[in-house]
Amino acid sequence: MRNLLNRFAKDESGATAIEYGLIAALIAVVIIGALLAIGPKLEQKFRDVENGLDGTAPGA
């Protein structure tokens, strides 16, 4: 039993998976933050394009 606990304490294979999970979470937070910062500007650009095309659409 003691041998099993010693092996469990020395096993680091799960630590790598946790590190990769933390890195992926950090990347996701950065992407979400960037999209929230850029979103309103991008939305306004699309509205400008839509308003510019309103008078030029066929059948309008």
C-alpha atoms as a PDB file:
ATOM      1  CA  MET A   1       0.000   0.000   0.000  1.00  0.00           C
ATOM      2  CA  ARG A   2       2.834   2.349   0.872  1.00  0.00           C
ATOM      3  CA  ASN A   3       4.468   1.612  -2.495  1.00  0.00           C
ATOM      4  CA  LEU A   4       1.238   2.522  -4.273  1.00  0.00           C
ATOM      5  CA  LEU A   5       1.015   5.864  -2.453  1.00  0.00           C
ATOM      6  CA  ASN A   6       4.655   6.667  -3.250  1.00  0.00           C
ATOM      7  CA  ARG A   7       4.109   5.952  -6.958  1.00  0.00           C
ATOM      8  CA  PHE A   8       0.958   8.076  -6.941  1.00  0.00           C
ATOM      9  CA  ALA A   9       2.808  10.987  -5.298  1.00  0.00           C
ATOM     10  CA  LYS A  10       5.630  10.826  -7.871  1.00  0.00           C
ATOM     11  CA  ASP A  11       3.362  10.464 -10.928  1.00  0.00           C
ATOM     12  CA  GLU A  12       3.338  13.712 -12.941  1.00  0.00           C
ATOM     13  CA  SER A  13       1.462  12.576 -16.051  1.00  0.00           C
ATOM     14  CA  GLY A  14      -1.748  14.336 -14.972  1.00  0.00           C
ATOM     15  CA  ALA A  15       0.097  17.593 -14.337  1.00  0.00           C
ATOM     16  CA  THR A  16       0.872  17.967 -18.041  1.00  0.00           C
ATOM     17  CA  ALA A  17      -2.789  17.603 -18.972  1.00  0.00           C
ATOM     18  CA  ILE A  18      -3.741  20.219 -16.389  1.00  0.00           C
ATOM     19  CA  GLU A  19      -1.091  22.601 -17.736  1.00  0.00           C
ATOM     20  CA  TYR A  20      -2.386  22.187 -21.281  1.00  0.00           C
ATOM     21  CA  GLY A  21      -5.913  22.793 -20.007  1.00  0.00           C
ATOM     22  CA  LEU A  22      -4.836  26.003 -18.292  1.00  0.00           C
ATOM     23  CA  ILE A  23      -3.059  27.197 -21.429  1.00  0.00           C
ATOM     24  CA  ALA A  24      -6.157  26.481 -23.535  1.00  0.00           C
ATOM     25  CA  ALA A  25      -8.338  28.347 -21.027  1.00  0.00           C
ATOM     26  CA  LEU A  26      -5.987  31.340 -21.093  1.00  0.00           C
ATOM     27  CA  ILE A  27      -6.036  31.418 -24.890  1.00  0.00           C
ATOM     28  CA  ALA A  28      -9.843  31.266 -24.840  1.00  0.00           C
ATOM     29  CA  VAL A  29     -10.002  34.195 -22.395  1.00  0.00           C
ATOM     30  CA  VAL A  30      -7.692  36.254 -24.625  1.00  0.00           C
ATOM     31  CA  ILE A  31      -9.772  35.473 -27.738  1.00  0.00           C
ATOM     32  CA  ILE A  32     -13.029  36.355 -25.978  1.00  0.00           C
ATOM     33  CA  GLY A  33     -11.525  39.591 -24.691  1.00  0.00           C
ATOM     34  CA  ALA A  34     -10.311  40.539 -28.156  1.00  0.00           C
ATOM     35  CA  LEU A  35     -13.700  39.788 -29.717  1.00  0.00           C
ATOM     36  CA  LEU A  36     -15.481  41.849 -27.073  1.00  0.00           C
ATOM     37  CA  ALA A  37     -13.109  44.754 -27.721  1.00  0.00           C
ATOM     38  CA  ILE A  38     -13.340  44.557 -31.524  1.00  0.00           C
ATOM     39  CA  GLY A  39     -17.016  43.534 -31.748  1.00  0.00           C
ATOM     40  CA  PRO A  40     -18.686  46.955 -31.609  1.00  0.00           C
ATOM     41  CA  LYS A  41     -16.297  48.429 -34.196  1.00  0.00           C
ATOM     42  CA  LEU A  42     -16.813  45.467 -36.515  1.00  0.00           C
ATOM     43  CA  GLU A  43     -20.577  45.679 -36.092  1.00  0.00           C
ATOM     44  CA  GLN A  44     -20.501  49.368 -37.028  1.00  0.00           C
ATOM     45  CA  LYS A  45     -18.452  48.594 -40.147  1.00  0.00           C
ATOM     46  CA  PHE A  46     -21.021  46.034 -41.278  1.00  0.00           C
ATOM     47  CA  ARG A  47     -23.822  48.548 -40.651  1.00  0.00           C
ATOM     48  CA  ASP A  48     -21.953  51.152 -42.701  1.00  0.00           C
ATOM     49  CA  VAL A  49     -21.603  48.673 -45.562  1.00  0.00           C
ATOM     50  CA  GLU A  50     -25.275  47.705 -45.293  1.00  0.00           C
ATOM     51  CA  ASN A  51     -26.354  51.343 -45.339  1.00  0.00           C
ATOM     52  CA  GLY A  52     -24.093  51.993 -48.311  1.00  0.00           C
ATOM     53  CA  LEU A  53     -25.598  49.128 -50.249  1.00  0.00           C
ATOM     54  CA  ASP A  54     -29.237  49.956 -49.490  1.00  0.00           C
ATOM     55  CA  GLY A  55     -29.593  52.331 -52.424  1.00  0.00           C
ATOM     56  CA  THR A  56     -27.630  50.200 -54.905  1.00  0.00           C
ATOM     57  CA  ALA A  57     -29.425  46.875 -54.521  1.00  0.00           C
ATOM     58  CA  PRO A  58     -31.306  45.702 -57.649  1.00  0.00           C
ATOM     59  CA  GLY A  59     -35.061  46.040 -57.314  1.00  0.00           C
ATOM     60  CA  ALA A  60     -34.767  48.546 -54.471  1.00  0.00           C
END
